[in-house]
């Protein structure tokens, strides 16, 4: 079954100390090898794409459960210790500038597997599209700064990527798994985890946004001049509130002056060059539309609002994240602990640690860390943001 998810973590600056990274690599290498030997390459990718298991792995390797650095450091460690020729898995991308090298690295690694041109194209497309979806189709105020792509010689893949919300200083992590993904725009996430559920999050991947996706695609097939006219008519300066239509009365009480009307939040601009290109390409569906270069968050949002206000096809504006971290809270808030999922992740890692060829002292420390996070289920109210 496909696994994907999102988790919210407070942003921590700086870099991991070298002594910690060395220890993480020492422990990660045997764990990865044992996981692949026991569950196969697909089993490894499935666990990497499971936010619960991934978080547990990072904690076992020595990172704090609530640090945003867990994502970047853990994926960086995995990239360093995984040799494609040895286990049939490769890792591309990373943080910042490294993320932009992902397509080149995918091509470099897949040469060792003798991939066909078509298979290589599919992997590159998966990398670009998963990033585009989480940057533009789901708008929770985050922009991606980290993208790591895990691929196998079987052609399967997983993605772990992270974005930062500059307002609340939280990093949101996204997980993807290739298995069972029919397309990238219709409920591609299977498990979405978050500490903070935000308001008015545009979710164009929701089933409830299907008609809005269709209308957005139909809009770009028309001459861009028509979209520009509709866009301008919905800009904030052209909107009126109901108060303007209520007769003014000096005796009217302030509380009776009429309700406060929420105004539209149209983007300041749209990429008209991208829309012109979309018009020329005539995309068959929303997935083809969003893959067009230049169709970013503002354009996606603008098309969604035009679809909703003018044509009556509403998008889903509910945050797709579940209001919890990892396995839930021991006090039942926001929901009871999922003991089955927690035990499953814990037992797999514990078995791998016990079989790993590391000294007894390291094994004991790792198992203690695993036991600690299995017993503790911190929630947002106890978090400190930095």
Protein backbone atom coordinates (compact mmCIF):
# COMPACT_ATOMS: atom_id res chain seq x y z
CA UNK A 1 0.00 0.00 0.00
CA UNK A 2 1.28 3.45 -0.83
CA UNK A 3 2.50 5.61 2.02
CA UNK A 4 2.87 9.35 2.11
CA UNK A 5 2.56 12.01 4.72
CA UNK A 6 3.30 15.38 6.19
CA UNK A 7 4.66 16.40 9.58
CA UNK A 8 5.19 19.86 11.09
CA UNK A 9 8.47 20.54 12.89
CA UNK A 10 9.89 23.71 14.50
CA UNK A 11 12.72 25.19 12.48
CA UNK A 12 16.16 24.70 14.00
CA UNK A 13 19.13 26.52 12.47
CA UNK A 14 22.78 25.57 12.34
CA UNK A 15 24.32 22.26 11.30
CA UNK A 16 24.69 18.88 12.95
CA UNK A 17 28.00 18.37 14.81
CA UNK A 18 30.44 16.13 12.96
CA UNK A 19 30.70 13.66 15.84
CA UNK A 20 26.93 13.08 15.68
CA UNK A 21 26.89 12.64 11.89
CA UNK A 22 29.72 10.09 12.12
CA UNK A 23 27.77 8.07 14.69
CA UNK A 24 24.57 8.35 12.63
CA UNK A 25 26.32 6.96 9.55
CA UNK A 26 27.87 4.15 11.56
CA UNK A 27 24.47 3.05 12.83
CA UNK A 28 22.45 3.80 9.66
CA UNK A 29 24.46 1.60 7.30
CA UNK A 30 23.76 -1.76 8.98
CA UNK A 31 20.13 -0.81 9.68
CA UNK A 32 19.50 -0.01 6.00
CA UNK A 33 21.19 -3.22 4.86
CA UNK A 34 19.16 -5.33 7.28
CA UNK A 35 15.88 -3.64 6.31
CA UNK A 36 16.54 -4.35 2.62
CA UNK A 37 17.65 -7.93 3.29
CA UNK A 38 14.53 -8.55 5.38
CA UNK A 39 11.87 -6.61 3.46
CA UNK A 40 13.39 -5.94 0.05
CA UNK A 41 13.93 -2.68 -1.81
CA UNK A 42 10.20 -1.93 -2.01
CA UNK A 43 9.92 -2.56 1.73
CA UNK A 44 12.67 -0.02 2.39
CA UNK A 45 11.02 2.62 0.17
CA UNK A 46 7.68 1.97 1.85
CA UNK A 47 9.20 2.65 5.26
CA UNK A 48 11.06 5.77 4.10
CA UNK A 49 7.77 7.13 2.76
CA UNK A 50 6.01 6.41 6.04
CA UNK A 51 6.37 9.58 8.19
CA UNK A 52 6.01 7.54 11.40
CA UNK A 53 8.82 5.14 10.56
CA UNK A 54 11.05 7.85 9.12
CA UNK A 55 10.71 9.95 12.26
CA UNK A 56 11.52 6.94 14.43
CA UNK A 57 14.59 6.19 12.32
CA UNK A 58 15.88 9.73 12.74
CA UNK A 59 15.40 9.53 16.50
CA UNK A 60 17.12 6.15 16.71
CA UNK A 61 20.10 7.57 14.83
CA UNK A 62 20.38 10.27 17.48
CA UNK A 63 18.29 13.31 16.48
CA UNK A 64 15.67 15.12 18.56
CA UNK A 65 12.12 14.04 17.69
CA UNK A 66 10.92 17.62 17.10
CA UNK A 67 13.84 19.09 15.15
CA UNK A 68 13.41 20.16 11.54
CA UNK A 69 17.05 19.17 11.11
CA UNK A 70 16.05 15.53 11.54
CA UNK A 71 14.77 15.52 7.96
CA UNK A 72 17.77 17.11 6.26
CA UNK A 73 20.40 15.31 8.33
CA UNK A 74 18.77 11.86 8.21
CA UNK A 75 18.28 11.99 4.42
CA UNK A 76 21.82 13.34 4.03
CA UNK A 77 23.21 10.46 6.09
CA UNK A 78 21.25 7.93 4.04
CA UNK A 79 22.55 9.48 0.83
CA UNK A 80 26.14 9.17 2.05
CA UNK A 81 25.94 5.56 3.25
CA UNK A 82 23.84 4.02 0.46
CA UNK A 83 25.90 2.63 -2.43
CA UNK A 84 23.62 2.08 -5.46
CA UNK A 85 25.68 -0.81 -6.80
CA UNK A 86 25.50 -2.72 -3.54
CA UNK A 87 21.81 -2.69 -2.58
CA UNK A 88 19.93 -1.51 -5.69
CA UNK A 89 18.85 1.79 -4.09
CA UNK A 90 20.05 5.30 -4.89
CA UNK A 91 19.45 8.68 -3.20
CA UNK A 92 19.46 11.99 -5.09
CA UNK A 93 18.92 15.62 -4.14
CA UNK A 94 19.08 17.20 -0.71
CA UNK A 95 18.84 20.64 0.86
CA UNK A 96 18.97 23.96 -0.98
CA UNK A 97 21.16 23.92 -4.10
CA UNK A 98 21.53 20.13 -3.87
CA UNK A 99 17.80 19.74 -4.50
CA UNK A 100 18.18 21.39 -7.91
CA UNK A 101 20.71 18.75 -8.93
CA UNK A 102 18.22 15.92 -8.42
CA UNK A 103 17.49 15.30 -12.16
CA UNK A 104 21.21 15.12 -12.98
CA UNK A 105 21.88 12.75 -10.10
CA UNK A 106 18.95 10.52 -11.04
CA UNK A 107 20.40 10.22 -14.55
CA UNK A 108 23.87 9.50 -13.17
CA UNK A 109 22.72 6.78 -10.77
CA UNK A 110 20.31 5.08 -13.16
CA UNK A 111 23.08 4.57 -15.72
CA UNK A 112 24.42 1.93 -13.33
CA UNK A 113 21.07 0.12 -13.54
CA UNK A 114 20.86 0.32 -17.34
CA UNK A 115 17.47 2.06 -17.30
CA UNK A 116 15.67 2.75 -20.56
CA UNK A 117 15.16 6.33 -21.70
CA UNK A 118 11.48 6.06 -20.85
CA UNK A 119 12.08 4.78 -17.31
CA UNK A 120 14.63 7.53 -16.68
CA UNK A 121 12.11 10.11 -17.94
CA UNK A 122 9.44 8.76 -15.57
CA UNK A 123 11.74 9.06 -12.55
CA UNK A 124 12.74 12.63 -13.40
CA UNK A 125 9.08 13.50 -13.96
CA UNK A 126 8.13 12.01 -10.58
CA UNK A 127 10.76 14.13 -8.86
CA UNK A 128 9.70 17.38 -10.53
CA UNK A 129 5.96 16.77 -10.24
CA UNK A 130 5.94 15.75 -6.56
CA UNK A 131 7.82 18.96 -5.77
CA UNK A 132 5.46 21.04 -7.93
CA UNK A 133 2.37 19.56 -6.25
CA UNK A 134 3.54 20.29 -2.69
CA UNK A 135 4.73 23.75 -3.67
CA UNK A 136 1.71 24.85 -5.67
CA UNK A 137 -1.29 22.49 -5.54
CA UNK A 138 -1.35 22.35 -1.73
CA UNK A 139 -0.90 25.89 -0.41
CA UNK A 140 -0.25 25.93 3.33
CA UNK A 141 2.12 28.90 3.30
CA UNK A 142 5.24 26.77 2.87
CA UNK A 143 7.87 26.83 0.15
CA UNK A 144 10.13 23.84 -0.42
CA UNK A 145 13.80 24.09 0.43
CA UNK A 146 14.63 20.40 0.66
CA UNK A 147 13.92 17.54 -1.78
CA UNK A 148 15.36 14.03 -1.58
CA UNK A 149 14.52 11.34 -4.11
CA UNK A 150 14.93 7.63 -3.29
CA UNK A 151 14.87 5.27 -6.29
CA UNK A 152 15.35 1.56 -6.83
CA UNK A 153 16.67 -0.54 -9.69
CA UNK A 154 13.09 -1.82 -10.04
CA UNK A 155 11.94 1.66 -11.08
CA UNK A 156 10.01 2.39 -7.85
CA UNK A 157 10.64 5.58 -5.89
CA UNK A 158 9.93 7.57 -2.74
CA UNK A 159 10.28 11.29 -2.01
CA UNK A 160 10.97 13.08 1.27
CA UNK A 161 10.79 16.86 0.97
CA UNK A 162 10.36 19.77 3.32
CA UNK A 163 9.15 23.36 3.20
CA UNK A 164 9.29 26.28 5.61
CA UNK A 165 6.47 28.57 6.74
CA UNK A 166 8.09 31.96 7.36
CA UNK A 167 5.21 33.15 9.55
CA UNK A 168 5.10 30.42 12.19
CA UNK A 169 8.67 29.16 11.62
CA UNK A 170 7.50 25.57 11.22
CA UNK A 171 8.91 23.17 8.67
CA UNK A 172 6.35 20.90 6.96
CA UNK A 173 7.55 17.56 5.65
CA UNK A 174 6.03 15.68 2.72
CA UNK A 175 6.39 11.96 1.94
CA UNK A 176 5.60 10.20 -1.35
CA UNK A 177 5.60 6.58 -2.52
CA UNK A 178 5.25 5.52 -6.15
CA UNK A 179 3.20 2.41 -5.45
CA UNK A 180 -0.46 2.76 -6.42
CA UNK A 181 -0.20 6.42 -7.49
CA UNK A 182 -2.43 6.66 -10.55
CA UNK A 183 -1.87 10.40 -10.92
CA UNK A 184 -0.35 13.23 -8.93
CA UNK A 185 -3.38 15.46 -8.50
CA UNK A 186 -6.08 13.24 -6.99
CA UNK A 187 -5.47 12.33 -3.34
CA UNK A 188 -1.80 11.35 -3.81
CA UNK A 189 -1.15 11.54 -0.05
CA UNK A 190 -2.23 8.57 2.02
CA UNK A 191 -1.14 9.71 5.50
CA UNK A 192 -0.85 13.42 6.28
CA UNK A 193 0.42 14.29 9.74
CA UNK A 194 0.71 17.76 11.30
CA UNK A 195 0.99 19.50 14.64
CA UNK A 196 -0.72 22.61 13.31
CA UNK A 197 -3.94 22.58 11.30
CA UNK A 198 -4.12 25.82 9.37
CA UNK A 199 -7.11 27.77 8.04
CA UNK A 200 -7.90 28.40 4.38
CA UNK A 201 -5.39 25.97 2.88
CA UNK A 202 -5.97 25.51 -0.84
CA UNK A 203 -5.94 21.77 -1.54
CA UNK A 204 -6.25 21.14 -5.26
CA UNK A 205 -5.39 17.45 -4.75
CA UNK A 206 -8.59 16.78 -2.82
CA UNK A 207 -11.37 14.71 -4.40
CA UNK A 208 -13.64 17.63 -3.53
CA UNK A 209 -11.55 19.84 -5.85
CA UNK A 210 -12.11 17.61 -8.88
CA UNK A 211 -14.61 19.89 -10.63
CA UNK A 212 -12.46 22.92 -9.84
CA UNK A 213 -9.48 21.13 -11.42
CA UNK A 214 -11.53 20.43 -14.54
CA UNK A 215 -12.72 24.04 -14.77
CA UNK A 216 -9.18 25.37 -14.25
CA UNK A 217 -7.99 23.17 -17.12
CA UNK A 218 -10.85 24.33 -19.35
CA UNK A 219 -10.04 27.98 -18.54
CA UNK A 220 -6.47 27.77 -19.88
CA UNK A 221 -7.69 26.25 -23.13
CA UNK A 222 -9.44 29.53 -23.86
CA UNK A 223 -7.67 32.69 -24.99
CA UNK A 224 -5.61 34.13 -22.08
CA UNK A 225 -7.25 37.52 -22.71
CA UNK A 226 -10.49 36.14 -21.30
CA UNK A 227 -8.80 34.89 -18.13
CA UNK A 228 -7.08 38.26 -17.71
CA UNK A 229 -10.40 40.06 -17.86
CA UNK A 230 -11.98 37.73 -15.29
CA UNK A 231 -8.91 38.03 -13.07
CA UNK A 232 -9.05 41.83 -13.07
CA UNK A 233 -12.75 41.80 -12.25
CA UNK A 234 -12.01 39.85 -9.07
CA UNK A 235 -9.08 41.91 -7.85
CA UNK A 236 -9.56 43.43 -4.38
CA UNK A 237 -9.91 47.03 -5.60
CA UNK A 238 -12.85 46.03 -7.80
CA UNK A 239 -14.79 44.28 -5.01
CA UNK A 240 -17.59 45.79 -2.97
CA UNK A 241 -18.98 44.77 0.40
CA UNK A 242 -22.65 44.51 1.38
CA UNK A 243 -22.23 47.62 3.61
CA UNK A 244 -22.03 49.76 0.47
CA UNK A 245 -25.60 48.77 -0.39
CA UNK A 246 -27.06 49.48 3.08
CA UNK A 247 -28.68 52.97 3.37
CA UNK A 248 -26.68 55.26 5.64
CA UNK A 249 -28.46 56.28 8.83
CA UNK A 250 -27.12 58.55 11.54
CA UNK A 251 -29.36 56.82 14.08
CA UNK A 252 -28.25 53.36 13.04
CA UNK A 253 -26.30 51.61 15.78
CA UNK A 254 -22.78 50.48 15.02
CA UNK A 255 -23.72 46.87 15.72
CA UNK A 256 -26.43 47.05 13.07
CA UNK A 257 -24.37 48.54 10.26
CA UNK A 258 -24.30 45.23 8.49
CA UNK A 259 -22.15 42.10 8.62
CA UNK A 260 -18.45 42.10 7.90
CA UNK A 261 -17.85 40.56 4.49
CA UNK A 262 -14.74 38.51 3.90
CA UNK A 263 -13.06 39.66 0.73
CA UNK A 264 -11.35 37.42 -1.78
CA UNK A 265 -7.63 36.87 -1.50
CA UNK A 266 -6.67 36.90 -5.13
CA UNK A 267 -2.95 36.70 -5.93
CA UNK A 268 -1.30 39.98 -6.91
CA UNK A 269 -0.28 38.60 -10.27
CA UNK A 270 -0.50 35.54 -12.51
CA UNK A 271 2.07 34.18 -14.93
CA UNK A 272 0.51 35.23 -18.22
CA UNK A 273 3.41 33.77 -20.22
CA UNK A 274 2.76 30.37 -18.66
CA UNK A 275 -0.95 30.69 -19.39
CA UNK A 276 -0.15 31.56 -23.00
CA UNK A 277 1.99 28.43 -23.21
CA UNK A 278 -0.83 26.39 -21.64
CA UNK A 279 -3.21 27.76 -24.27
CA UNK A 280 -0.84 26.65 -27.01
CA UNK A 281 -0.31 23.20 -25.45
CA UNK A 282 -4.01 22.60 -24.68
CA UNK A 283 -3.48 20.28 -21.65
CA UNK A 284 -5.86 17.33 -21.48
CA UNK A 285 -6.08 17.32 -17.69
CA UNK A 286 -5.01 19.17 -14.54
CA UNK A 287 -1.87 17.07 -14.11
CA UNK A 288 -0.63 18.19 -17.52
CA UNK A 289 -1.54 21.78 -16.64
CA UNK A 290 0.36 21.91 -13.37
CA UNK A 291 3.46 20.38 -14.95
CA UNK A 292 3.81 23.37 -17.30
CA UNK A 293 6.81 25.49 -16.32
CA UNK A 294 5.72 28.76 -14.76
CA UNK A 295 2.36 27.51 -13.48
CA UNK A 296 3.13 28.22 -9.82
CA UNK A 297 1.20 28.91 -6.61
CA UNK A 298 -0.19 32.30 -7.71
CA UNK A 299 -1.46 30.99 -11.05
CA UNK A 300 -2.95 27.86 -9.46
CA UNK A 301 -4.70 29.99 -6.85
CA UNK A 302 -5.95 32.53 -9.37
CA UNK A 303 -7.45 29.83 -11.60
CA UNK A 304 -9.05 28.16 -8.57
CA UNK A 305 -10.70 31.41 -7.45
CA UNK A 306 -11.94 32.24 -10.94
CA UNK A 307 -13.37 28.71 -11.16
CA UNK A 308 -15.09 29.15 -7.81
CA UNK A 309 -16.44 32.70 -7.98
CA UNK A 310 -17.40 32.95 -11.65
CA UNK A 311 -18.20 29.36 -12.56
CA UNK A 312 -19.32 28.00 -9.18
CA UNK A 313 -16.83 25.12 -9.02
CA UNK A 314 -15.32 25.31 -5.55
CA UNK A 315 -11.93 24.05 -4.50
CA UNK A 316 -11.35 22.38 -1.14
CA UNK A 317 -9.98 24.93 1.35
CA UNK A 318 -9.44 22.57 4.29
CA UNK A 319 -5.93 21.70 5.45
CA UNK A 320 -5.39 18.04 4.45
CA UNK A 321 -3.12 17.48 7.46
CA UNK A 322 -4.37 15.48 10.43
CA UNK A 323 -4.10 17.41 13.70
CA UNK A 324 -1.57 15.23 15.44
CA UNK A 325 2.10 14.40 15.56
CA UNK A 326 3.26 10.87 14.77
CA UNK A 327 1.17 8.31 16.68
CA UNK A 328 -1.23 10.53 18.62
CA UNK A 329 -1.25 11.57 22.27
CA UNK A 330 -1.13 9.32 25.30
CA UNK A 331 -3.93 11.44 26.81
CA UNK A 332 -6.12 10.77 23.79
CA UNK A 333 -5.71 14.31 22.43
CA UNK A 334 -6.00 15.08 19.57
CA UNK A 335 -6.74 11.37 19.06
CA UNK A 336 -5.75 8.12 20.82
CA UNK A 337 -2.38 6.52 20.16
CA UNK A 338 -2.34 4.19 17.17
CA UNK A 339 -0.67 1.35 19.05
CA UNK A 340 -0.54 -0.97 16.05
CA UNK A 341 1.37 1.51 13.85
CA UNK A 342 3.63 2.55 16.71
CA UNK A 343 4.51 -1.03 17.66
CA UNK A 344 5.07 -2.01 14.04
CA UNK A 345 7.59 0.79 13.42
CA UNK A 346 9.26 0.21 16.78
CA UNK A 347 9.61 -3.57 16.36
CA UNK A 348 11.09 -3.34 12.88
CA UNK A 349 13.73 -0.87 14.00
CA UNK A 350 14.47 -2.77 17.20
CA UNK A 351 15.09 -5.97 15.24
CA UNK A 352 17.38 -4.13 12.84
CA UNK A 353 19.36 -2.59 15.69
CA UNK A 354 19.80 -5.95 17.43
CA UNK A 355 21.08 -7.56 14.23
CA UNK A 356 23.36 -4.68 13.29
CA UNK A 357 27.10 -5.26 13.50
CA UNK A 358 27.79 -2.52 16.02
CA UNK A 359 29.16 -2.72 19.52
CA UNK A 360 26.90 -3.56 22.44
CA UNK A 361 27.08 -0.05 23.90
CA UNK A 362 25.75 1.52 20.70
CA UNK A 363 22.95 -1.06 20.52
CA UNK A 364 21.83 -0.33 24.07
CA UNK A 365 21.83 3.45 23.47
CA UNK A 366 19.85 3.09 20.24
CA UNK A 367 17.24 0.80 21.77
CA UNK A 368 16.89 3.18 24.74
CA UNK A 369 16.21 6.08 22.36
CA UNK A 370 13.65 3.97 20.52
CA UNK A 371 11.94 2.95 23.76
CA UNK A 372 11.86 6.57 24.88
CA UNK A 373 10.04 7.89 21.81
CA UNK A 374 7.69 4.89 21.95
CA UNK A 375 6.57 5.92 25.44
CA UNK A 376 6.41 9.67 24.87
CA UNK A 377 3.78 11.24 22.65
CA UNK A 378 4.38 14.99 22.80
CA UNK A 379 1.79 17.37 21.43
CA UNK A 380 1.86 20.87 20.05
CA UNK A 381 1.04 22.53 23.37
CA UNK A 382 4.26 21.21 24.88
CA UNK A 383 6.44 22.26 21.95
CA UNK A 384 8.84 25.15 22.05
CA UNK A 385 9.52 26.85 18.76
CA UNK A 386 12.89 28.32 17.98
